[in-house]
Amino acid sequence: MLPFYVFLLRKKTLFGLTCHAPRASESCSRLWKLNCYEILLLLVSYLPFIYFVFSHLYISGRPEIYKLPQSASVLAGEDAYFECQAAGDPVPRITWFRGDTIVGTGRTLKLEQVAPADQGVYVCEAESIVGMMKANATLSVFGTYFHHRLYQIFILYLLTHIWEKNSNTKKIWNNH
């Protein structure tokens, strides 16, 4: 194989490369033909490697929240859920905040038996080494725990009262 030369002259150039014959007896046209074939063979032989390198380039992406948390209104004593999903490269870490306090991690935040003191703004933060994105959701809590328990007792009373009035249920119940 003939060596690949760095070409600098204005004349006898091909794609910015200029022919320099290593010996005075060789012509540039013959050398160019050989060098072009060599270059082509070299490129073809390295195609799998070139494909591998370009297909595995690490391109990082800023975190993006694609499922925003939705605001919720719940009765006191019930559970509240917020969901936040994010994508990015590298995969972002999701952290939930209320004010400056961390209240959870992961894509789902579960608040158990909420009270009026739990209402406020909750922030989903998706963060990676490339960047950060935030989204907000508001929790509204209605009633107090006492009102919630009273509501549950009232519903149970209604269901029991309706069940006892139904004659088919009485017959089934009395037969056992």
C-alpha atoms as a PDB file:
ATOM      1  CA  MET A   1       0.000   0.000   0.000  1.00  0.00           C
ATOM      2  CA  LEU A   2       1.180   3.466  -0.762  1.00  0.00           C
ATOM      3  CA  PRO A   3       1.280   5.901   2.141  1.00  0.00           C
ATOM      4  CA  PHE A   4      -1.485   8.437   2.609  1.00  0.00           C
ATOM      5  CA  TYR A   5       0.034  11.883   2.143  1.00  0.00           C
ATOM      6  CA  VAL A   6      -0.994  15.199   3.587  1.00  0.00           C
ATOM      7  CA  PHE A   7      -1.615  17.419   0.597  1.00  0.00           C
ATOM      8  CA  LEU A   8      -1.083  21.156   0.631  1.00  0.00           C
ATOM      9  CA  LEU A   9      -0.515  22.434  -2.911  1.00  0.00           C
ATOM     10  CA  ARG A  10      -3.163  24.232  -4.990  1.00  0.00           C
ATOM     11  CA  LYS A  11      -2.723  22.153  -8.148  1.00  0.00           C
ATOM     12  CA  LYS A  12      -3.400  18.451  -8.492  1.00  0.00           C
ATOM     13  CA  THR A  13      -6.009  18.398  -5.708  1.00  0.00           C
ATOM     14  CA  LEU A  14      -8.987  16.145  -5.101  1.00  0.00           C
ATOM     15  CA  PHE A  15     -11.469  17.197  -2.390  1.00  0.00           C
ATOM     16  CA  GLY A  16      -8.836  19.470  -0.935  1.00  0.00           C
ATOM     17  CA  LEU A  17      -6.148  16.761  -1.010  1.00  0.00           C
ATOM     18  CA  THR A  18      -3.120  17.326  -3.214  1.00  0.00           C
ATOM     19  CA  CYS A  19      -0.849  14.705  -4.753  1.00  0.00           C
ATOM     20  CA  HIS A  20       2.833  14.619  -3.831  1.00  0.00           C
ATOM     21  CA  ALA A  21       4.729  11.919  -5.658  1.00  0.00           C
ATOM     22  CA  PRO A  22       7.252  10.283  -3.320  1.00  0.00           C
ATOM     23  CA  ARG A  23       9.703   9.754  -6.201  1.00  0.00           C
ATOM     24  CA  ALA A  24      10.297  11.891  -9.254  1.00  0.00           C
ATOM     25  CA  SER A  25       9.789   8.861 -11.503  1.00  0.00           C
ATOM     26  CA  GLU A  26       6.122   8.335 -10.385  1.00  0.00           C
ATOM     27  CA  SER A  27       3.379  10.425 -11.856  1.00  0.00           C
ATOM     28  CA  CYS A  28       0.748  12.051  -9.688  1.00  0.00           C
ATOM     29  CA  SER A  29      -2.118  10.654 -11.765  1.00  0.00           C
ATOM     30  CA  ARG A  30      -0.955   7.061 -11.183  1.00  0.00           C
ATOM     31  CA  LEU A  31      -0.375   7.789  -7.484  1.00  0.00           C
ATOM     32  CA  TRP A  32      -3.810   9.404  -7.166  1.00  0.00           C
ATOM     33  CA  LYS A  33      -5.517   6.367  -8.656  1.00  0.00           C
ATOM     34  CA  LEU A  34      -3.790   4.105  -6.184  1.00  0.00           C
ATOM     35  CA  ASN A  35      -4.390   6.434  -3.237  1.00  0.00           C
ATOM     36  CA  CYS A  36      -8.098   6.887  -4.089  1.00  0.00           C
ATOM     37  CA  TYR A  37      -8.565   3.112  -4.282  1.00  0.00           C
ATOM     38  CA  GLU A  38      -6.717   2.672  -1.024  1.00  0.00           C
ATOM     39  CA  ILE A  39      -8.823   5.345   0.640  1.00  0.00           C
ATOM     40  CA  LEU A  40     -12.024   3.730  -0.663  1.00  0.00           C
ATOM     41  CA  LEU A  41     -10.918   0.281   0.559  1.00  0.00           C
ATOM     42  CA  LEU A  42      -9.937   1.751   3.889  1.00  0.00           C
ATOM     43  CA  LEU A  43     -13.353   3.432   4.305  1.00  0.00           C
ATOM     44  CA  VAL A  44     -15.223   0.280   3.276  1.00  0.00           C
ATOM     45  CA  SER A  45     -13.198  -1.868   5.686  1.00  0.00           C
ATOM     46  CA  TYR A  46     -13.931   0.550   8.547  1.00  0.00           C
ATOM     47  CA  LEU A  47     -17.666   0.919   7.838  1.00  0.00           C
ATOM     48  CA  PRO A  48     -18.732  -1.490  10.624  1.00  0.00           C
ATOM     49  CA  PHE A  49     -16.497   0.378  13.081  1.00  0.00           C
ATOM     50  CA  ILE A  50     -17.768   3.789  11.902  1.00  0.00           C
ATOM     51  CA  TYR A  51     -21.378   2.562  12.226  1.00  0.00           C
ATOM     52  CA  PHE A  52     -20.676   1.227  15.727  1.00  0.00           C
ATOM     53  CA  VAL A  53     -19.092   4.493  16.872  1.00  0.00           C
ATOM     54  CA  PHE A  54     -21.881   6.702  15.528  1.00  0.00           C
ATOM     55  CA  SER A  55     -24.662   4.431  16.749  1.00  0.00           C
ATOM     56  CA  HIS A  56     -23.253   4.358  20.278  1.00  0.00           C
ATOM     57  CA  LEU A  57     -22.469   8.009  20.693  1.00  0.00           C
ATOM     58  CA  TYR A  58     -23.610   9.179  24.078  1.00  0.00           C
ATOM     59  CA  ILE A  59     -26.004  12.051  23.517  1.00  0.00           C
ATOM     60  CA  SER A  60     -27.444  13.329  26.749  1.00  0.00           C
ATOM     61  CA  GLY A  61     -30.835  14.940  27.072  1.00  0.00           C
ATOM     62  CA  ARG A  62     -32.229  17.309  29.664  1.00  0.00           C
ATOM     63  CA  PRO A  63     -34.977  15.789  31.855  1.00  0.00           C
ATOM     64  CA  GLU A  64     -38.484  16.342  30.553  1.00  0.00           C
ATOM     65  CA  ILE A  65     -41.673  15.702  32.506  1.00  0.00           C
ATOM     66  CA  TYR A  66     -44.119  14.051  30.109  1.00  0.00           C
ATOM     67  CA  LYS A  67     -46.859  13.238  32.643  1.00  0.00           C
ATOM     68  CA  LEU A  68     -47.558  16.267  34.831  1.00  0.00           C
ATOM     69  CA  PRO A  69     -48.969  15.764  38.325  1.00  0.00           C
ATOM     70  CA  GLN A  70     -52.670  16.636  38.548  1.00  0.00           C
ATOM     71  CA  SER A  71     -54.106  18.701  41.406  1.00  0.00           C
ATOM     72  CA  ALA A  72     -56.327  16.724  43.783  1.00  0.00           C
ATOM     73  CA  SER A  73     -59.250  17.446  46.097  1.00  0.00           C
ATOM     74  CA  VAL A  74     -59.932  14.848  48.769  1.00  0.00           C
ATOM     75  CA  LEU A  75     -61.878  14.475  51.991  1.00  0.00           C
ATOM     76  CA  ALA A  76     -59.939  14.515  55.235  1.00  0.00           C
ATOM     77  CA  GLY A  77     -58.858  11.025  56.267  1.00  0.00           C
ATOM     78  CA  GLU A  78     -58.591   9.706  52.705  1.00  0.00           C
ATOM     79  CA  ASP A  79     -55.405   8.977  50.773  1.00  0.00           C
ATOM     80  CA  ALA A  80     -54.138  11.333  48.072  1.00  0.00           C
ATOM     81  CA  TYR A  81     -51.972  10.343  45.102  1.00  0.00           C
ATOM     82  CA  PHE A  82     -49.817  12.375  42.724  1.00  0.00           C
ATOM     83  CA  GLU A  83     -48.056  10.928  39.709  1.00  0.00           C
ATOM     84  CA  CYS A  84     -45.192  12.451  37.756  1.00  0.00           C
ATOM     85  CA  GLN A  85     -43.278  10.741  34.942  1.00  0.00           C
ATOM     86  CA  ALA A  86     -40.111  12.045  33.357  1.00  0.00           C
ATOM     87  CA  ALA A  87     -37.679  11.005  30.639  1.00  0.00           C
ATOM     88  CA  GLY A  88     -34.139  11.983  29.783  1.00  0.00           C
ATOM     89  CA  ASP A  89     -30.673  10.641  29.213  1.00  0.00           C
ATOM     90  CA  PRO A  90     -29.397   9.805  31.759  1.00  0.00           C
ATOM     91  CA  VAL A  91     -32.665   8.769  33.411  1.00  0.00           C
ATOM     92  CA  PRO A  92     -33.717  11.533  35.827  1.00  0.00           C
ATOM     93  CA  ARG A  93     -34.335  11.019  39.549  1.00  0.00           C
ATOM     94  CA  ILE A  94     -37.785  12.202  40.712  1.00  0.00           C
ATOM     95  CA  THR A  95     -38.083  13.922  44.092  1.00  0.00           C
ATOM     96  CA  TRP A  96     -41.264  15.383  45.650  1.00  0.00           C
ATOM     97  CA  PHE A  97     -41.178  18.574  47.714  1.00  0.00           C
ATOM     98  CA  ARG A  98     -43.606  20.538  49.838  1.00  0.00           C
ATOM     99  CA  GLY A  99     -41.912  23.862  50.331  1.00  0.00           C
ATOM    100  CA  ASP A 100     -38.260  23.046  50.987  1.00  0.00           C
ATOM    101  CA  THR A 101     -39.027  19.673  52.595  1.00  0.00           C
ATOM    102  CA  ILE A 102     -38.612  16.394  50.699  1.00  0.00           C
ATOM    103  CA  VAL A 103     -41.828  14.396  51.096  1.00  0.00           C
ATOM    104  CA  GLY A 104     -41.081  11.491  48.757  1.00  0.00           C
ATOM    105  CA  THR A 105     -39.160  10.030  45.850  1.00  0.00           C
ATOM    106  CA  GLY A 106     -40.202   8.100  42.772  1.00  0.00           C
ATOM    107  CA  ARG A 107     -42.877   8.763  40.206  1.00  0.00           C
ATOM    108  CA  THR A 108     -45.844   8.291  42.581  1.00  0.00           C
ATOM    109  CA  LEU A 109     -46.370  10.235  45.790  1.00  0.00           C
ATOM    110  CA  LYS A 110     -48.885   8.731  48.235  1.00  0.00           C
ATOM    111  CA  LEU A 111     -50.136  10.818  51.126  1.00  0.00           C
ATOM    112  CA  GLU A 112     -52.004   8.643  53.627  1.00  0.00           C
ATOM    113  CA  GLN A 113     -55.004   9.863  55.624  1.00  0.00           C
ATOM    114  CA  VAL A 114     -54.587  13.494  54.713  1.00  0.00           C
ATOM    115  CA  ALA A 115     -55.618  16.273  57.074  1.00  0.00           C
ATOM    116  CA  PRO A 116     -56.331  19.950  56.375  1.00  0.00           C
ATOM    117  CA  ALA A 117     -52.713  20.672  57.410  1.00  0.00           C
ATOM    118  CA  ASP A 118     -51.523  18.621  54.389  1.00  0.00           C
ATOM    119  CA  GLN A 119     -53.104  20.873  51.810  1.00  0.00           C
ATOM    120  CA  GLY A 120     -50.803  23.020  49.718  1.00  0.00           C
ATOM    121  CA  VAL A 121     -48.533  22.908  46.683  1.00  0.00           C
ATOM    122  CA  TYR A 122     -46.481  19.770  45.972  1.00  0.00           C
ATOM    123  CA  VAL A 123     -43.571  19.978  43.535  1.00  0.00           C
ATOM    124  CA  CYS A 124     -42.296  17.145  41.348  1.00  0.00           C
ATOM    125  CA  GLU A 125     -38.621  17.685  40.467  1.00  0.00           C
ATOM    126  CA  ALA A 126     -36.954  15.552  37.768  1.00  0.00           C
ATOM    127  CA  GLU A 127     -33.189  15.951  38.019  1.00  0.00           C
ATOM    128  CA  SER A 128     -30.100  14.463  36.375  1.00  0.00           C
ATOM    129  CA  ILE A 129     -26.527  15.622  35.780  1.00  0.00           C
ATOM    130  CA  VAL A 130     -27.709  17.329  32.586  1.00  0.00           C
ATOM    131  CA  GLY A 131     -30.425  19.514  34.119  1.00  0.00           C
ATOM    132  CA  MET A 132     -33.666  19.759  36.047  1.00  0.00           C
ATOM    133  CA  MET A 133     -37.397  20.300  35.417  1.00  0.00           C
ATOM    134  CA  LYS A 134     -40.185  21.000  37.917  1.00  0.00           C
ATOM    135  CA  ALA A 135     -43.976  20.673  37.893  1.00  0.00           C
ATOM    136  CA  ASN A 136     -46.527  21.652  40.561  1.00  0.00           C
ATOM    137  CA  ALA A 137     -49.792  20.172  41.824  1.00  0.00           C
ATOM    138  CA  THR A 138     -52.113  21.439  44.542  1.00  0.00           C
ATOM    139  CA  LEU A 139     -53.770  19.327  47.234  1.00  0.00           C
ATOM    140  CA  SER A 140     -57.070  20.574  48.662  1.00  0.00           C
ATOM    141  CA  VAL A 141     -58.496  18.835  51.730  1.00  0.00           C
ATOM    142  CA  PHE A 142     -62.198  19.226  52.527  1.00  0.00           C
ATOM    143  CA  GLY A 143     -63.755  18.713  55.916  1.00  0.00           C
ATOM    144  CA  THR A 144     -62.106  17.459  59.023  1.00  0.00           C
ATOM    145  CA  TYR A 145     -61.423  13.917  60.048  1.00  0.00           C
ATOM    146  CA  PHE A 146     -64.524  14.035  62.264  1.00  0.00           C
ATOM    147  CA  HIS A 147     -66.728  15.041  59.317  1.00  0.00           C
ATOM    148  CA  HIS A 148     -65.182  12.290  57.206  1.00  0.00           C
ATOM    149  CA  ARG A 149     -65.938   9.632  59.847  1.00  0.00           C
ATOM    150  CA  LEU A 150     -69.471  10.996  60.256  1.00  0.00           C
ATOM    151  CA  TYR A 151     -69.936  10.736  56.469  1.00  0.00           C
ATOM    152  CA  GLN A 152     -68.746   7.104  56.518  1.00  0.00           C
ATOM    153  CA  ILE A 153     -71.120   6.223  59.372  1.00  0.00           C
ATOM    154  CA  PHE A 154     -74.001   7.890  57.533  1.00  0.00           C
ATOM    155  CA  ILE A 155     -73.295   5.887  54.352  1.00  0.00           C
ATOM    156  CA  LEU A 156     -73.109   2.648  56.351  1.00  0.00           C
ATOM    157  CA  TYR A 157     -76.440   3.480  58.018  1.00  0.00           C
ATOM    158  CA  LEU A 158     -78.080   4.135  54.638  1.00  0.00           C
ATOM    159  CA  LEU A 159     -76.764   0.902  53.148  1.00  0.00           C
ATOM    160  CA  THR A 160     -77.901  -1.103  56.162  1.00  0.00           C
ATOM    161  CA  HIS A 161     -81.329   0.546  56.117  1.00  0.00           C
ATOM    162  CA  ILE A 162     -81.797  -0.162  52.379  1.00  0.00           C
ATOM    163  CA  TRP A 163     -80.575  -3.715  52.797  1.00  0.00           C
ATOM    164  CA  GLU A 164     -83.045  -4.440  55.619  1.00  0.00           C
ATOM    165  CA  LYS A 165     -85.963  -3.017  53.631  1.00  0.00           C
ATOM    166  CA  ASN A 166     -85.273  -5.343  50.716  1.00  0.00           C
ATOM    167  CA  SER A 167     -87.489  -8.407  51.250  1.00  0.00           C
ATOM    168  CA  ASN A 168     -85.279 -10.752  49.209  1.00  0.00           C
ATOM    169  CA  THR A 169     -82.344 -10.046  51.440  1.00  0.00           C
ATOM    170  CA  LYS A 170     -84.458 -10.613  54.558  1.00  0.00           C
ATOM    171  CA  LYS A 171     -85.572 -14.010  53.262  1.00  0.00           C
ATOM    172  CA  ILE A 172     -82.040 -15.041  52.402  1.00  0.00           C
ATOM    173  CA  TRP A 173     -80.775 -13.733  55.736  1.00  0.00           C
ATOM    174  CA  ASN A 174     -83.503 -15.463  57.760  1.00  0.00           C
ATOM    175  CA  ASN A 175     -82.964 -18.812  55.998  1.00  0.00           C
ATOM    176  CA  HIS A 176     -79.373 -19.028  57.232  1.00  0.00           C
END
